Protein backbone atom coordinates (compact mmCIF):
# COMPACT_ATOMS: atom_id res chain seq x y z
CA MET A 1 50.19 -57.44 56.80
CA LYS A 2 51.81 -54.61 54.87
CA THR A 3 54.04 -52.17 56.70
CA LEU A 4 56.65 -49.48 56.02
CA ASP A 5 59.27 -51.80 57.54
CA GLN A 6 58.92 -54.28 54.68
CA ASP A 7 61.11 -53.22 51.73
CA MET A 8 58.65 -54.55 49.13
CA ASP A 9 55.73 -52.67 50.70
CA TYR A 10 57.81 -49.51 50.99
CA GLN A 11 58.90 -49.70 47.34
CA GLU A 12 55.28 -50.22 46.29
CA LEU A 13 54.29 -47.00 48.09
CA LEU A 14 57.15 -45.07 46.50
CA LYS A 15 56.02 -46.19 43.01
CA ARG A 16 52.44 -45.19 43.77
CA ILE A 17 53.58 -41.80 45.08
CA ALA A 18 55.70 -41.29 41.94
CA SER A 19 52.61 -41.87 39.78
CA LEU A 20 50.71 -39.09 41.56
CA ARG A 21 50.33 -35.86 39.59
CA GLU A 22 49.44 -32.36 40.69
CA ASP A 23 46.21 -32.63 38.70
CA SER A 24 45.32 -36.17 39.87
CA ALA A 25 41.58 -36.33 40.44
CA ARG A 26 40.36 -37.34 43.88
CA GLN A 27 37.83 -40.15 44.23
CA TRP A 28 36.42 -38.75 47.47
CA GLY A 29 37.03 -35.95 49.97
CA SER A 30 38.07 -32.38 49.31
CA MET A 31 41.89 -32.43 49.31
CA THR A 32 43.90 -31.82 46.17
CA SER A 33 46.79 -34.19 45.50
CA ASN A 34 49.27 -31.57 46.72
CA GLN A 35 47.26 -30.99 49.89
CA MET A 36 47.31 -34.75 50.47
CA ILE A 37 51.09 -34.83 50.08
CA CYS A 38 51.41 -31.99 52.63
CA HIS A 39 48.93 -33.77 54.93
CA MET A 40 51.17 -36.85 54.87
CA VAL A 41 54.27 -34.67 55.45
CA ASP A 42 52.57 -33.17 58.52
CA THR A 43 51.58 -36.66 59.70
CA PHE A 44 55.15 -37.94 59.48
CA ARG A 45 56.40 -34.83 61.26
CA ASN A 46 53.87 -35.43 64.02
CA ALA A 47 54.88 -39.08 64.34
CA MET A 48 58.53 -38.04 64.71
CA GLY A 49 57.72 -35.39 67.32
CA ASN A 50 58.29 -32.38 65.05
CA ARG A 51 54.68 -31.24 64.70
CA PRO A 52 52.64 -31.17 67.91
CA VAL A 53 49.00 -32.17 67.64
CA LYS A 54 46.37 -32.01 70.37
CA GLN A 55 45.70 -35.40 72.00
CA ILE A 56 42.08 -36.52 71.70
CA ASP A 57 42.52 -40.18 72.61
CA PHE A 58 40.22 -41.96 75.04
CA PHE A 59 39.91 -45.55 76.28
CA PHE A 60 37.90 -46.86 73.30
CA SER A 61 40.20 -45.22 70.74
CA ARG A 62 43.34 -46.57 72.48
CA THR A 63 41.95 -50.13 72.57
CA VAL A 64 39.23 -51.25 70.18
CA MET A 65 39.68 -48.49 67.57
CA LYS A 66 43.46 -48.90 67.63
CA TRP A 67 43.27 -52.64 67.05
CA GLY A 68 40.65 -52.31 64.32
CA SER A 69 42.51 -49.52 62.54
CA LEU A 70 45.77 -51.46 62.47
CA TRP A 71 44.81 -55.10 62.08
CA PHE A 72 41.22 -55.50 60.83
CA PRO A 73 41.57 -56.46 57.14
CA ILE A 74 39.29 -53.91 55.51
CA PRO A 75 40.11 -50.51 53.95
CA TRP A 76 39.65 -47.46 56.12
CA PRO A 77 36.37 -45.56 55.66
CA LYS A 78 36.30 -42.67 53.23
CA GLY A 79 35.69 -39.08 54.27
CA LEU A 80 36.86 -39.18 57.89
CA LYS A 81 37.59 -35.72 59.27
CA THR A 82 41.20 -35.02 60.22
CA LEU A 83 42.59 -32.90 63.03
CA PRO A 84 42.89 -29.16 62.30
CA GLU A 85 46.68 -29.26 62.76
CA LEU A 86 46.88 -31.85 59.96
CA ASP A 87 44.20 -30.32 57.71
CA GLN A 88 45.68 -28.26 54.88
CA SER A 89 42.57 -26.07 54.67
CA ALA A 90 42.78 -25.28 58.41
CA GLY A 91 46.04 -25.39 60.40
CA GLY A 92 48.13 -27.78 58.31
CA THR A 93 51.12 -26.90 56.16
CA PRO A 94 49.88 -25.30 52.93
CA PRO A 95 51.10 -26.79 49.65
CA SER A 96 53.83 -24.99 47.77
CA ASP A 97 55.84 -26.54 44.94
CA PHE A 98 54.41 -29.98 44.09
CA ALA A 99 57.77 -31.56 43.21
CA GLN A 100 59.40 -30.20 46.37
CA ASP A 101 56.49 -31.33 48.54
CA MET A 102 56.79 -34.83 47.01
CA GLU A 103 60.53 -34.88 47.73
CA THR A 104 59.92 -33.78 51.32
CA LEU A 105 57.46 -36.66 51.74
CA ARG A 106 59.95 -39.20 50.38
CA GLU A 107 62.71 -37.84 52.64
CA LEU A 108 60.49 -38.04 55.72
CA MET A 109 59.37 -41.56 54.85
CA GLU A 110 62.99 -42.68 54.63
CA LYS A 111 63.92 -40.88 57.85
CA PHE A 112 60.93 -42.43 59.64
CA ARG A 113 61.90 -45.93 58.49
CA ALA A 114 65.51 -45.38 59.55
CA ASN A 115 64.59 -44.76 63.18
CA PRO A 116 66.12 -47.41 65.45
CA GLN A 117 64.02 -50.30 66.70
CA ASN A 118 63.53 -48.64 70.08
CA PHE A 119 62.62 -45.19 68.78
CA ILE A 120 60.49 -43.00 70.97
CA SER A 121 57.61 -41.30 69.27
CA PRO A 122 54.88 -39.13 70.74
CA PRO A 123 51.53 -40.82 71.27
CA HIS A 124 49.23 -40.86 68.26
CA PRO A 125 46.60 -38.12 68.74
CA LEU A 126 43.71 -40.60 68.66
CA LEU A 127 45.21 -44.07 69.13
CA GLY A 128 47.57 -43.19 71.98
CA PRO A 129 51.01 -44.76 72.46
CA LEU A 130 52.17 -47.01 69.63
CA THR A 131 55.07 -49.42 69.27
CA ARG A 132 57.44 -49.12 66.31
CA LYS A 133 55.62 -52.05 64.66
CA GLU A 134 52.28 -50.29 65.12
CA TRP A 135 53.63 -46.96 63.79
CA MET A 136 55.04 -48.70 60.69
CA ARG A 137 51.72 -50.42 60.05
CA LEU A 138 49.71 -47.25 60.69
CA MET A 139 51.80 -45.08 58.38
CA TYR A 140 51.60 -47.70 55.61
CA LEU A 141 47.80 -47.80 55.97
CA HIS A 142 47.50 -43.99 56.08
CA LEU A 143 49.55 -43.59 52.89
CA ASP A 144 47.64 -46.40 51.19
CA HIS A 145 44.32 -44.80 52.16
CA HIS A 146 45.24 -41.44 50.64
CA LEU A 147 46.85 -42.92 47.53
CA ARG A 148 43.62 -44.86 46.90
CA GLN A 149 41.84 -41.51 47.29
CA PHE A 150 43.71 -40.43 44.15
CA ASN A 151 43.36 -43.81 42.41
CA THR A 152 47.07 -44.62 42.65
């Protein structure tokens, strides 16, 4: 299972991110590539406790949905709606300079990986409390999902 904690998986994501262009065409959804980068920046900030997001978790999402999202070996569905606080056309951080937004994403990815083994993170808005292992898996999958959105 791929995860941000594995150096090879992390390097693969960095190469895919580096291949992304401001004019990369999306395969589905409505985000531009720069909006996607800012969406991921907001997601990392939320995971590190720097961007509060309303909790909407419930028993099914904290159990069955959590397990399926993290460990079931199929790609995530396309076109799922995101939370307003993480949606760049609603309350998310608006894109600015593409190169700077990309650098911010890379810096946050590295900072997130560098957290100690017993790091405390806020609960995921939908999946509830996550272990470090679960956060590393989730963030790998989230990045992979959006990079596939832009065919990278």
